[in-house]
Amino acid sequence: MRKVLILVAALGFAGSAAAADIGLIKVAKGSVEIQRGASKLPAKVGTGVQISDVVVTGKDGSAGITFTDNSLVSVGPNSVFSVEKYSFDSTTHAGQFEGNLRQGRLAAVSGKMVKQSPESMKIRTPSAIMGVRGTEFVVQVDEPKR
């Protein structure tokens, strides 16, 4: 009986770890990494993306991420993009998506949650907050001049 409980607990933990992924890297070219807490992971096709992850691309890097609501985010070269908040209910399509583009370029196509609730997606930059009410947009943040 004790072995069964340990197995059930282990399977439950494995399921909760997989459930933390809110999206997947679908395209990765050049230098792309995910900063997750104190860790830096290479961002390869199929790598899961989680809340609070920071996607960092190098001079030759770019990445495409598909989120669970079918939102698509493409991050261009020399970019730093973090996922601040994300929730999505696949039954009602209600949710919230807040990202932060610290530098670089981002292109996005909104998914099911924006169709359900137009104010549910926001992208922050160092100088502005955009509420995404349409379906496609591009934003660029230049590095500060020194």
N, C-alpha and C. Protein backbone atom coordinates (compact mmCIF):
# COMPACT_ATOMS: atom_id res chain seq x y z
N MET A 1 0.82 -1.20 0.00
CA MET A 1 0.00 0.00 0.00
C MET A 1 0.87 1.26 0.00
N ARG A 2 1.94 1.23 0.78
CA ARG A 2 2.83 2.39 0.87
C ARG A 2 3.48 2.68 -0.48
N LYS A 3 3.87 1.62 -1.23
CA LYS A 3 4.47 1.80 -2.55
C LYS A 3 3.48 2.44 -3.52
N VAL A 4 2.22 2.06 -3.40
CA VAL A 4 1.19 2.63 -4.26
C VAL A 4 1.04 4.12 -3.98
N LEU A 5 1.04 4.52 -2.72
CA LEU A 5 0.91 5.93 -2.36
C LEU A 5 2.10 6.75 -2.87
N ILE A 6 3.30 6.19 -2.76
CA ILE A 6 4.48 6.89 -3.26
C ILE A 6 4.39 7.05 -4.76
N LEU A 7 3.95 6.01 -5.47
CA LEU A 7 3.80 6.08 -6.92
C LEU A 7 2.75 7.12 -7.31
N VAL A 8 1.63 7.13 -6.62
CA VAL A 8 0.58 8.11 -6.92
C VAL A 8 1.09 9.53 -6.67
N ALA A 9 1.80 9.73 -5.58
CA ALA A 9 2.35 11.06 -5.28
C ALA A 9 3.36 11.49 -6.34
N ALA A 10 4.21 10.57 -6.77
CA ALA A 10 5.20 10.88 -7.81
C ALA A 10 4.52 11.23 -9.12
N LEU A 11 3.51 10.48 -9.50
CA LEU A 11 2.78 10.77 -10.74
C LEU A 11 2.06 12.10 -10.66
N GLY A 12 1.50 12.41 -9.51
CA GLY A 12 0.83 13.70 -9.33
C GLY A 12 1.79 14.85 -9.46
N PHE A 13 3.00 14.70 -8.90
CA PHE A 13 4.01 15.75 -9.01
C PHE A 13 4.45 15.93 -10.45
N ALA A 14 4.65 14.84 -11.18
CA ALA A 14 5.06 14.93 -12.58
C ALA A 14 3.99 15.61 -13.41
N GLY A 15 2.73 15.32 -13.14
CA GLY A 15 1.64 15.97 -13.87
C GLY A 15 1.57 17.45 -13.60
N SER A 16 1.80 17.85 -12.34
CA SER A 16 1.74 19.28 -12.02
C SER A 16 2.91 20.02 -12.63
N ALA A 17 4.07 19.39 -12.76
CA ALA A 17 5.22 20.05 -13.38
C ALA A 17 4.93 20.30 -14.86
N ALA A 18 4.35 19.32 -15.54
CA ALA A 18 4.03 19.49 -16.95
C ALA A 18 2.93 20.52 -17.15
N ALA A 19 2.01 20.60 -16.20
CA ALA A 19 0.90 21.55 -16.32
C ALA A 19 1.36 22.99 -16.20
N ALA A 20 2.57 23.23 -15.71
CA ALA A 20 3.07 24.59 -15.55
C ALA A 20 3.42 25.24 -16.88
N ASP A 21 3.57 24.45 -17.95
CA ASP A 21 3.88 25.02 -19.25
C ASP A 21 2.65 25.73 -19.81
N ILE A 22 2.86 26.99 -20.21
CA ILE A 22 1.77 27.79 -20.79
C ILE A 22 1.94 27.96 -22.29
N GLY A 23 3.05 27.49 -22.78
CA GLY A 23 3.33 27.59 -24.20
C GLY A 23 4.53 26.74 -24.56
N LEU A 24 4.83 26.68 -25.86
CA LEU A 24 5.95 25.90 -26.37
C LEU A 24 6.75 26.72 -27.37
N ILE A 25 8.06 26.53 -27.34
CA ILE A 25 8.90 27.10 -28.39
C ILE A 25 8.63 26.28 -29.65
N LYS A 26 8.12 26.93 -30.69
CA LYS A 26 7.83 26.25 -31.96
C LYS A 26 8.92 26.49 -32.99
N VAL A 27 9.64 27.63 -32.85
CA VAL A 27 10.73 27.97 -33.76
C VAL A 27 11.84 28.58 -32.92
N ALA A 28 13.07 28.15 -33.16
CA ALA A 28 14.23 28.75 -32.49
C ALA A 28 15.38 28.76 -33.49
N LYS A 29 15.90 29.94 -33.76
CA LYS A 29 17.01 30.08 -34.70
C LYS A 29 18.10 30.90 -34.03
N GLY A 30 19.35 30.52 -34.24
CA GLY A 30 20.47 31.25 -33.68
C GLY A 30 20.51 31.12 -32.16
N SER A 31 21.00 32.17 -31.52
CA SER A 31 21.16 32.18 -30.06
C SER A 31 19.85 32.56 -29.37
N VAL A 32 19.25 31.58 -28.67
CA VAL A 32 18.00 31.81 -27.94
C VAL A 32 18.09 31.04 -26.63
N GLU A 33 17.78 31.72 -25.53
CA GLU A 33 17.75 31.03 -24.25
C GLU A 33 16.56 31.49 -23.43
N ILE A 34 16.21 30.64 -22.47
CA ILE A 34 15.14 30.97 -21.52
C ILE A 34 15.79 31.12 -20.16
N GLN A 35 15.58 32.26 -19.53
CA GLN A 35 16.03 32.45 -18.16
C GLN A 35 14.85 32.11 -17.26
N ARG A 36 15.05 31.10 -16.44
CA ARG A 36 14.00 30.63 -15.53
C ARG A 36 14.59 30.67 -14.13
N GLY A 37 14.23 31.72 -13.38
CA GLY A 37 14.85 31.89 -12.08
C GLY A 37 16.33 32.14 -12.26
N ALA A 38 17.17 31.37 -11.59
CA ALA A 38 18.62 31.52 -11.69
C ALA A 38 19.20 30.67 -12.82
N SER A 39 18.37 29.88 -13.49
CA SER A 39 18.85 28.97 -14.55
C SER A 39 18.71 29.61 -15.93
N LYS A 40 19.62 29.21 -16.81
CA LYS A 40 19.55 29.60 -18.22
C LYS A 40 19.46 28.31 -19.02
N LEU A 41 18.38 28.19 -19.79
CA LEU A 41 18.14 26.98 -20.58
C LEU A 41 18.21 27.30 -22.06
N PRO A 42 18.82 26.43 -22.87
CA PRO A 42 18.75 26.66 -24.31
C PRO A 42 17.30 26.49 -24.77
N ALA A 43 16.83 27.42 -25.56
CA ALA A 43 15.45 27.35 -26.06
C ALA A 43 15.47 26.60 -27.38
N LYS A 44 15.03 25.36 -27.33
CA LYS A 44 14.97 24.52 -28.52
C LYS A 44 13.51 24.28 -28.87
N VAL A 45 13.25 23.87 -30.08
CA VAL A 45 11.88 23.54 -30.48
C VAL A 45 11.35 22.48 -29.52
N GLY A 46 10.16 22.74 -28.97
CA GLY A 46 9.53 21.83 -28.03
C GLY A 46 9.76 22.18 -26.57
N THR A 47 10.63 23.15 -26.29
CA THR A 47 10.87 23.57 -24.90
C THR A 47 9.63 24.27 -24.37
N GLY A 48 9.21 23.93 -23.17
CA GLY A 48 8.06 24.57 -22.56
C GLY A 48 8.38 25.97 -22.06
N VAL A 49 7.39 26.84 -22.11
CA VAL A 49 7.51 28.20 -21.60
C VAL A 49 6.58 28.31 -20.40
N GLN A 50 7.07 28.93 -19.33
CA GLN A 50 6.31 29.06 -18.10
C GLN A 50 6.18 30.51 -17.68
N ILE A 51 5.23 30.77 -16.78
CA ILE A 51 5.07 32.12 -16.24
C ILE A 51 6.38 32.53 -15.59
N SER A 52 6.78 33.77 -15.78
CA SER A 52 8.01 34.38 -15.27
C SER A 52 9.24 34.03 -16.08
N ASP A 53 9.13 33.22 -17.14
CA ASP A 53 10.26 32.96 -18.01
C ASP A 53 10.62 34.22 -18.77
N VAL A 54 11.92 34.35 -19.06
CA VAL A 54 12.43 35.46 -19.86
C VAL A 54 13.09 34.85 -21.09
N VAL A 55 12.60 35.20 -22.27
CA VAL A 55 13.19 34.72 -23.52
C VAL A 55 14.18 35.77 -23.99
N VAL A 56 15.44 35.35 -24.18
CA VAL A 56 16.51 36.26 -24.58
C VAL A 56 17.10 35.75 -25.88
N THR A 57 17.15 36.64 -26.88
CA THR A 57 17.73 36.27 -28.17
C THR A 57 19.01 37.06 -28.39
N GLY A 58 19.95 36.44 -29.06
CA GLY A 58 21.20 37.10 -29.41
C GLY A 58 21.09 37.84 -30.73
N LYS A 59 22.23 38.33 -31.18
CA LYS A 59 22.28 39.11 -32.42
C LYS A 59 21.73 38.33 -33.61
N ASP A 60 21.93 37.00 -33.60
CA ASP A 60 21.48 36.15 -34.69
C ASP A 60 20.25 35.33 -34.31
N GLY A 61 19.61 35.65 -33.19
CA GLY A 61 18.55 34.79 -32.67
C GLY A 61 17.14 35.27 -32.94
N SER A 62 16.23 34.31 -32.97
CA SER A 62 14.79 34.61 -33.04
C SER A 62 14.05 33.38 -32.53
N ALA A 63 12.84 33.62 -32.02
CA ALA A 63 12.06 32.52 -31.46
C ALA A 63 10.59 32.75 -31.74
N GLY A 64 9.87 31.66 -31.91
CA GLY A 64 8.42 31.69 -32.05
C GLY A 64 7.80 30.84 -30.96
N ILE A 65 6.83 31.42 -30.25
CA ILE A 65 6.18 30.74 -29.13
C ILE A 65 4.69 30.63 -29.42
N THR A 66 4.13 29.44 -29.20
CA THR A 66 2.69 29.25 -29.28
C THR A 66 2.18 29.00 -27.87
N PHE A 67 1.21 29.81 -27.43
CA PHE A 67 0.64 29.68 -26.09
C PHE A 67 -0.61 28.80 -26.13
N THR A 68 -1.08 28.39 -24.97
CA THR A 68 -2.19 27.43 -24.90
C THR A 68 -3.50 27.97 -25.47
N ASP A 69 -3.65 29.29 -25.59
CA ASP A 69 -4.86 29.85 -26.20
C ASP A 69 -4.68 30.06 -27.70
N ASN A 70 -3.58 29.56 -28.25
CA ASN A 70 -3.20 29.70 -29.66
C ASN A 70 -2.69 31.09 -30.01
N SER A 71 -2.34 31.91 -29.02
CA SER A 71 -1.63 33.15 -29.30
C SER A 71 -0.25 32.79 -29.82
N LEU A 72 0.24 33.57 -30.77
CA LEU A 72 1.57 33.37 -31.34
C LEU A 72 2.41 34.60 -31.06
N VAL A 73 3.60 34.40 -30.54
CA VAL A 73 4.51 35.51 -30.27
C VAL A 73 5.84 35.18 -30.92
N SER A 74 6.33 36.10 -31.74
CA SER A 74 7.65 35.97 -32.37
C SER A 74 8.56 37.03 -31.79
N VAL A 75 9.73 36.62 -31.33
CA VAL A 75 10.70 37.53 -30.73
C VAL A 75 11.89 37.60 -31.67
N GLY A 76 12.28 38.82 -32.05
CA GLY A 76 13.36 39.01 -33.01
C GLY A 76 14.73 39.06 -32.36
N PRO A 77 15.75 39.38 -33.15
CA PRO A 77 17.13 39.45 -32.66
C PRO A 77 17.31 40.50 -31.56
N ASN A 78 18.28 40.25 -30.68
CA ASN A 78 18.63 41.18 -29.59
C ASN A 78 17.41 41.59 -28.77
N SER A 79 16.60 40.63 -28.41
CA SER A 79 15.36 40.91 -27.68
C SER A 79 15.37 40.28 -26.29
N VAL A 80 14.61 40.91 -25.40
CA VAL A 80 14.38 40.38 -24.05
C VAL A 80 12.89 40.50 -23.79
N PHE A 81 12.20 39.34 -23.70
CA PHE A 81 10.76 39.30 -23.51
C PHE A 81 10.43 38.38 -22.34
N SER A 82 9.63 38.89 -21.40
CA SER A 82 9.23 38.06 -20.26
C SER A 82 7.71 37.90 -20.23
N VAL A 83 7.29 36.75 -19.72
CA VAL A 83 5.87 36.47 -19.53
C VAL A 83 5.57 36.75 -18.06
N GLU A 84 4.88 37.84 -17.80
CA GLU A 84 4.61 38.27 -16.43
C GLU A 84 3.41 37.54 -15.82
N LYS A 85 2.32 37.45 -16.57
CA LYS A 85 1.10 36.78 -16.11
C LYS A 85 0.51 36.01 -17.27
N TYR A 86 -0.09 34.87 -16.96
CA TYR A 86 -0.79 34.12 -17.99
C TYR A 86 -1.75 33.15 -17.32
N SER A 87 -2.98 33.20 -17.76
CA SER A 87 -3.97 32.20 -17.36
C SER A 87 -4.93 32.03 -18.53
N PHE A 88 -5.43 30.81 -18.71
CA PHE A 88 -6.36 30.57 -19.81
C PHE A 88 -7.25 29.38 -19.45
N ASP A 89 -8.55 29.59 -19.57
CA ASP A 89 -9.53 28.53 -19.35
C ASP A 89 -9.97 28.03 -20.72
N SER A 90 -9.62 26.80 -21.06
CA SER A 90 -9.91 26.28 -22.40
C SER A 90 -11.39 26.06 -22.65
N THR A 91 -12.20 26.04 -21.59
CA THR A 91 -13.64 25.86 -21.76
C THR A 91 -14.32 27.19 -22.08
N THR A 92 -14.04 28.22 -21.28
CA THR A 92 -14.71 29.52 -21.45
C THR A 92 -13.91 30.49 -22.32
N HIS A 93 -12.63 30.18 -22.55
CA HIS A 93 -11.69 31.03 -23.27
C HIS A 93 -11.37 32.31 -22.51
N ALA A 94 -11.73 32.38 -21.24
CA ALA A 94 -11.37 33.53 -20.40
C ALA A 94 -9.91 33.40 -20.01
N GLY A 95 -9.26 34.54 -19.83
CA GLY A 95 -7.87 34.49 -19.42
C GLY A 95 -7.23 35.85 -19.34
N GLN A 96 -5.93 35.82 -19.09
CA GLN A 96 -5.15 37.04 -18.96
C GLN A 96 -3.74 36.76 -19.44
N PHE A 97 -3.19 37.68 -20.22
CA PHE A 97 -1.83 37.54 -20.75
C PHE A 97 -1.15 38.89 -20.59
N GLU A 98 -0.07 38.93 -19.80
CA GLU A 98 0.72 40.14 -19.67
C GLU A 98 2.18 39.80 -19.93
N GLY A 99 2.74 40.46 -20.92
CA GLY A 99 4.14 40.26 -21.25
C GLY A 99 4.89 41.57 -21.14
N ASN A 100 6.23 41.48 -21.12
CA ASN A 100 7.06 42.67 -20.99
C ASN A 100 8.19 42.56 -22.00
N LEU A 101 8.20 43.46 -22.98
CA LEU A 101 9.28 43.54 -23.96
C LEU A 101 10.26 44.60 -23.47
N ARG A 102 11.38 44.17 -22.93
CA ARG A 102 12.37 45.10 -22.36
C ARG A 102 13.24 45.71 -23.45
N GLN A 103 13.53 44.91 -24.49
CA GLN A 103 14.25 45.44 -25.65
C GLN A 103 14.03 44.51 -26.82
N GLY A 104 14.20 45.06 -28.02
CA GLY A 104 14.09 44.26 -29.23
C GLY A 104 12.75 44.41 -29.92
N ARG A 105 12.39 43.36 -30.64
CA ARG A 105 11.18 43.39 -31.47
C ARG A 105 10.32 42.18 -31.18
N LEU A 106 9.02 42.42 -31.18
CA LEU A 106 8.04 41.36 -30.93
C LEU A 106 6.90 41.52 -31.90
N ALA A 107 6.48 40.43 -32.49
CA ALA A 107 5.28 40.39 -33.33
C ALA A 107 4.35 39.36 -32.72
N ALA A 108 3.06 39.65 -32.71
CA ALA A 108 2.11 38.73 -32.09
C ALA A 108 0.82 38.64 -32.88
N VAL A 109 0.22 37.47 -32.77
CA VAL A 109 -1.13 37.23 -33.27
C VAL A 109 -1.90 36.73 -32.06
N SER A 110 -2.94 37.47 -31.68
CA SER A 110 -3.69 37.10 -30.47
C SER A 110 -4.49 35.82 -30.70
N GLY A 111 -4.79 35.16 -29.59
CA GLY A 111 -5.48 33.88 -29.65
C GLY A 111 -6.91 33.97 -29.15
N LYS A 112 -7.38 32.86 -28.60
CA LYS A 112 -8.78 32.72 -28.21
C LYS A 112 -9.20 33.65 -27.08
N MET A 113 -8.29 33.93 -26.12
CA MET A 113 -8.72 34.77 -24.99
C MET A 113 -9.04 36.20 -25.44
N VAL A 114 -8.33 36.73 -26.43
CA VAL A 114 -8.61 38.09 -26.90
C VAL A 114 -9.91 38.13 -27.68
N LYS A 115 -10.22 37.05 -28.38
CA LYS A 115 -11.50 36.99 -29.07
C LYS A 115 -12.65 36.98 -28.07
N GLN A 116 -12.44 36.31 -26.94
CA GLN A 116 -13.45 36.26 -25.88
C GLN A 116 -13.53 37.58 -25.12
N SER A 117 -12.37 38.14 -24.78
CA SER A 117 -12.30 39.35 -23.96
C SER A 117 -11.17 40.23 -24.47
N PRO A 118 -11.49 41.24 -25.29
CA PRO A 118 -10.47 42.04 -25.96
C PRO A 118 -9.44 42.70 -25.05
N GLU A 119 -9.76 42.94 -23.80
CA GLU A 119 -8.81 43.62 -22.91
C GLU A 119 -7.89 42.65 -22.17
N SER A 120 -7.91 41.38 -22.51
CA SER A 120 -7.18 40.36 -21.73
C SER A 120 -5.69 40.27 -22.03
N MET A 121 -5.20 40.90 -23.10
CA MET A 121 -3.78 40.81 -23.45
C MET A 121 -3.13 42.17 -23.37
N LYS A 122 -2.00 42.24 -22.63
CA LYS A 122 -1.26 43.50 -22.49
C LYS A 122 0.21 43.22 -22.68
N ILE A 123 0.89 44.12 -23.38
CA ILE A 123 2.34 44.05 -23.53
C ILE A 123 2.91 45.36 -23.00
N ARG A 124 3.83 45.24 -22.07
CA ARG A 124 4.51 46.40 -21.49
C ARG A 124 5.85 46.61 -22.20
N THR A 125 6.24 47.86 -22.30
CA THR A 125 7.57 48.23 -22.77
C THR A 125 8.12 49.23 -21.74
N PRO A 126 9.39 49.62 -21.84
CA PRO A 126 9.90 50.58 -20.86
C PRO A 126 9.15 51.92 -20.85
N SER A 127 8.46 52.25 -21.93
CA SER A 127 7.80 53.55 -21.98
C SER A 127 6.29 53.50 -22.17
N ALA A 128 5.70 52.31 -22.33
CA ALA A 128 4.26 52.26 -22.59
C ALA A 128 3.68 50.90 -22.22
N ILE A 129 2.35 50.86 -22.08
CA ILE A 129 1.61 49.62 -21.92
C ILE A 129 0.59 49.57 -23.04
N MET A 130 0.59 48.48 -23.80
CA MET A 130 -0.36 48.34 -24.90
C MET A 130 -1.44 47.35 -24.52
N GLY A 131 -2.67 47.76 -24.63
CA GLY A 131 -3.78 46.83 -24.53
C GLY A 131 -4.07 46.33 -25.93
N VAL A 132 -4.01 45.05 -26.14
CA VAL A 132 -4.16 44.48 -27.48
C VAL A 132 -5.63 44.19 -27.72
N ARG A 133 -6.23 44.92 -28.63
CA ARG A 133 -7.64 44.70 -28.93
C ARG A 133 -7.83 44.14 -30.34
N GLY A 134 -6.80 44.17 -31.12
CA GLY A 134 -6.88 43.60 -32.46
C GLY A 134 -6.34 42.20 -32.48
N THR A 135 -5.97 41.74 -33.66
CA THR A 135 -5.49 40.37 -33.74
C THR A 135 -4.00 40.27 -34.01
N GLU A 136 -3.40 41.28 -34.66
CA GLU A 136 -1.98 41.23 -34.98
C GLU A 136 -1.33 42.57 -34.67
N PHE A 137 -0.08 42.52 -34.18
CA PHE A 137 0.65 43.75 -33.94
C PHE A 137 2.14 43.47 -33.89
N VAL A 138 2.94 44.53 -34.06
CA VAL A 138 4.39 44.47 -33.95
C VAL A 138 4.80 45.64 -33.07
N VAL A 139 5.77 45.41 -32.18
CA VAL A 139 6.28 46.46 -31.32
C VAL A 139 7.80 46.33 -31.26
N GLN A 140 8.47 47.48 -31.21
CA GLN A 140 9.94 47.47 -31.13
C GLN A 140 10.38 48.40 -30.02
N VAL A 141 11.37 47.95 -29.25
CA VAL A 141 11.96 48.76 -28.19
C VAL A 141 13.45 48.85 -28.51
N ASP A 142 13.92 50.06 -28.77
CA ASP A 142 15.34 50.26 -29.07
C ASP A 142 16.13 50.32 -27.78
N GLU A 143 17.40 49.92 -27.89
CA GLU A 143 18.28 50.02 -26.73
C GLU A 143 18.48 51.50 -26.41
N PRO A 144 18.60 51.83 -25.12
CA PRO A 144 18.80 53.23 -24.77
C PRO A 144 20.14 53.74 -25.31
N LYS A 145 20.15 55.00 -25.76
CA LYS A 145 21.38 55.61 -26.26
C LYS A 145 22.22 56.02 -25.07
N ARG A 146 23.53 55.83 -25.21
CA ARG A 146 24.42 56.15 -24.10
C ARG A 146 25.28 57.33 -24.41
